[in-house]
N, C-alpha and C. Protein backbone atom coordinates (compact mmCIF):
# COMPACT_ATOMS: atom_id res chain seq x y z
N MET A 1 -24.81 -45.10 -22.99
CA MET A 1 -25.97 -44.46 -23.56
C MET A 1 -26.41 -45.16 -24.84
N ALA A 2 -25.48 -45.69 -25.59
CA ALA A 2 -25.83 -46.34 -26.84
C ALA A 2 -26.67 -47.59 -26.63
N ALA A 3 -26.57 -48.19 -25.44
CA ALA A 3 -27.30 -49.42 -25.16
C ALA A 3 -28.78 -49.17 -24.84
N VAL A 4 -29.16 -47.94 -24.58
CA VAL A 4 -30.54 -47.61 -24.23
C VAL A 4 -31.25 -47.12 -25.48
N PRO A 5 -32.27 -47.85 -25.94
CA PRO A 5 -32.99 -47.44 -27.15
C PRO A 5 -33.73 -46.11 -26.95
N ASP A 6 -33.77 -45.30 -27.99
CA ASP A 6 -34.49 -44.02 -27.93
C ASP A 6 -35.95 -44.23 -27.55
N GLU A 7 -36.55 -45.32 -28.02
CA GLU A 7 -37.96 -45.60 -27.72
C GLU A 7 -38.19 -45.79 -26.22
N PHE A 8 -37.23 -46.39 -25.53
CA PHE A 8 -37.34 -46.59 -24.08
C PHE A 8 -37.37 -45.24 -23.37
N ILE A 9 -36.46 -44.36 -23.75
CA ILE A 9 -36.42 -43.03 -23.14
C ILE A 9 -37.71 -42.29 -23.44
N ASP A 10 -38.19 -42.36 -24.67
CA ASP A 10 -39.41 -41.66 -25.05
C ASP A 10 -40.62 -42.15 -24.26
N GLU A 11 -40.68 -43.43 -23.94
CA GLU A 11 -41.81 -43.98 -23.18
C GLU A 11 -41.75 -43.56 -21.71
N ALA A 12 -40.56 -43.25 -21.20
CA ALA A 12 -40.40 -42.99 -19.77
C ALA A 12 -40.23 -41.51 -19.44
N ALA A 13 -40.19 -40.66 -20.46
CA ALA A 13 -39.92 -39.25 -20.21
C ALA A 13 -40.80 -38.38 -21.09
N LEU A 14 -41.05 -37.18 -20.62
CA LEU A 14 -41.79 -36.20 -21.41
C LEU A 14 -40.77 -35.26 -22.03
N LEU A 15 -40.52 -35.46 -23.30
CA LEU A 15 -39.50 -34.69 -24.01
C LEU A 15 -40.09 -34.06 -25.26
N GLY A 16 -39.58 -32.91 -25.64
CA GLY A 16 -39.99 -32.30 -26.88
C GLY A 16 -40.66 -30.96 -26.69
N PRO A 17 -41.35 -30.50 -27.73
CA PRO A 17 -42.06 -29.21 -27.66
C PRO A 17 -43.21 -29.26 -26.64
N LYS A 18 -43.62 -28.09 -26.18
CA LYS A 18 -44.67 -28.01 -25.15
C LYS A 18 -45.94 -28.74 -25.55
N GLU A 19 -46.39 -28.59 -26.79
CA GLU A 19 -47.64 -29.24 -27.19
C GLU A 19 -47.52 -30.76 -27.14
N ARG A 20 -46.37 -31.30 -27.50
CA ARG A 20 -46.16 -32.76 -27.42
C ARG A 20 -46.16 -33.20 -25.96
N ILE A 21 -45.48 -32.43 -25.12
CA ILE A 21 -45.44 -32.76 -23.70
C ILE A 21 -46.84 -32.70 -23.11
N ARG A 22 -47.60 -31.65 -23.46
CA ARG A 22 -48.97 -31.50 -22.95
C ARG A 22 -49.83 -32.72 -23.32
N LYS A 23 -49.76 -33.15 -24.59
CA LYS A 23 -50.55 -34.29 -25.03
C LYS A 23 -50.12 -35.57 -24.33
N ARG A 24 -48.83 -35.81 -24.26
CA ARG A 24 -48.34 -37.04 -23.64
C ARG A 24 -48.64 -37.05 -22.14
N TYR A 25 -48.55 -35.89 -21.49
CA TYR A 25 -48.90 -35.81 -20.08
C TYR A 25 -50.37 -36.19 -19.88
N ARG A 26 -51.23 -35.63 -20.70
CA ARG A 26 -52.66 -35.96 -20.60
C ARG A 26 -52.91 -37.45 -20.85
N ASP A 27 -52.18 -38.02 -21.81
CA ASP A 27 -52.30 -39.47 -22.05
C ASP A 27 -51.91 -40.25 -20.80
N TRP A 28 -50.84 -39.82 -20.14
CA TRP A 28 -50.41 -40.51 -18.91
C TRP A 28 -51.47 -40.38 -17.83
N VAL A 29 -52.04 -39.19 -17.67
CA VAL A 29 -53.09 -38.98 -16.66
C VAL A 29 -54.29 -39.88 -16.98
N ASP A 30 -54.69 -39.92 -18.24
CA ASP A 30 -55.82 -40.75 -18.65
C ASP A 30 -55.55 -42.23 -18.42
N ALA A 31 -54.27 -42.61 -18.46
CA ALA A 31 -53.90 -44.01 -18.23
C ALA A 31 -53.84 -44.35 -16.73
N GLY A 32 -53.98 -43.33 -15.88
CA GLY A 32 -54.04 -43.58 -14.44
C GLY A 32 -52.75 -43.36 -13.66
N PHE A 33 -51.77 -42.74 -14.26
CA PHE A 33 -50.55 -42.54 -13.49
C PHE A 33 -50.82 -41.57 -12.36
N THR A 34 -50.10 -41.73 -11.26
CA THR A 34 -50.38 -40.91 -10.08
C THR A 34 -49.15 -40.17 -9.56
N GLY A 35 -48.04 -40.26 -10.24
CA GLY A 35 -46.85 -39.56 -9.77
C GLY A 35 -45.96 -39.14 -10.91
N LEU A 36 -45.19 -38.10 -10.67
CA LEU A 36 -44.30 -37.58 -11.69
C LEU A 36 -43.11 -36.93 -10.99
N THR A 37 -41.93 -37.24 -11.44
CA THR A 37 -40.72 -36.58 -10.96
C THR A 37 -40.28 -35.59 -12.03
N VAL A 38 -40.12 -34.35 -11.64
CA VAL A 38 -39.70 -33.32 -12.59
C VAL A 38 -38.26 -32.95 -12.29
N GLY A 39 -37.44 -33.06 -13.31
CA GLY A 39 -36.04 -32.65 -13.21
C GLY A 39 -35.72 -31.75 -14.39
N ALA A 40 -35.39 -30.52 -14.11
CA ALA A 40 -35.11 -29.58 -15.20
C ALA A 40 -34.15 -28.52 -14.70
N ASN A 41 -33.38 -28.01 -15.61
CA ASN A 41 -32.46 -26.92 -15.28
C ASN A 41 -33.05 -25.56 -15.62
N GLN A 42 -34.31 -25.54 -16.03
CA GLN A 42 -34.95 -24.30 -16.45
C GLN A 42 -36.20 -24.07 -15.60
N ASP A 43 -36.27 -22.90 -14.99
CA ASP A 43 -37.44 -22.55 -14.19
C ASP A 43 -38.71 -22.61 -15.03
N GLU A 44 -38.64 -22.19 -16.29
CA GLU A 44 -39.82 -22.21 -17.17
C GLU A 44 -40.36 -23.63 -17.33
N ALA A 45 -39.48 -24.61 -17.44
CA ALA A 45 -39.91 -26.00 -17.59
C ALA A 45 -40.63 -26.48 -16.33
N VAL A 46 -40.13 -26.12 -15.17
CA VAL A 46 -40.77 -26.52 -13.92
C VAL A 46 -42.14 -25.85 -13.80
N ARG A 47 -42.21 -24.56 -14.14
CA ARG A 47 -43.51 -23.87 -14.10
C ARG A 47 -44.51 -24.51 -15.07
N PHE A 48 -44.05 -24.86 -16.27
CA PHE A 48 -44.92 -25.50 -17.25
C PHE A 48 -45.48 -26.82 -16.71
N MET A 49 -44.64 -27.63 -16.10
CA MET A 49 -45.10 -28.90 -15.55
C MET A 49 -46.08 -28.67 -14.40
N ALA A 50 -45.85 -27.64 -13.60
CA ALA A 50 -46.79 -27.31 -12.52
C ALA A 50 -48.14 -26.92 -13.10
N GLU A 51 -48.13 -26.17 -14.20
CA GLU A 51 -49.37 -25.80 -14.86
C GLU A 51 -50.11 -27.03 -15.34
N LEU A 52 -49.39 -27.96 -15.98
CA LEU A 52 -50.03 -29.19 -16.47
C LEU A 52 -50.63 -29.99 -15.33
N ALA A 53 -49.96 -30.01 -14.23
CA ALA A 53 -50.44 -30.79 -13.07
C ALA A 53 -51.58 -30.10 -12.33
N GLY A 54 -51.95 -28.91 -12.77
CA GLY A 54 -53.06 -28.21 -12.12
C GLY A 54 -52.65 -27.44 -10.90
N LEU A 55 -51.35 -27.24 -10.72
CA LEU A 55 -50.87 -26.49 -9.57
C LEU A 55 -50.85 -24.99 -9.88
N ASN A 56 -51.12 -24.66 -11.15
CA ASN A 56 -51.18 -23.28 -11.60
C ASN A 56 -52.32 -23.22 -12.60
N GLN A 57 -53.18 -22.28 -12.50
CA GLN A 57 -54.40 -22.22 -13.30
C GLN A 57 -54.19 -21.86 -14.76
N ARG A 58 -52.96 -21.58 -15.22
CA ARG A 58 -52.74 -21.15 -16.60
C ARG A 58 -52.53 -22.29 -17.57
N ALA A 59 -52.67 -23.54 -17.20
CA ALA A 59 -52.39 -24.67 -18.12
C ALA A 59 -53.37 -24.75 -19.26
């Protein structure tokens, strides 16, 4: 783990508070990304990502 820079993880993952994730997700969409893998141990996190992706109207 020590060999992987924090910046690399930050560029490849959506981590942090909801507002930061929301902004970074929108940045990714604006950049043209077309896929996302969601891995979480919390149902709330999965629901939040579904909302961001437009699969739930509450985003």
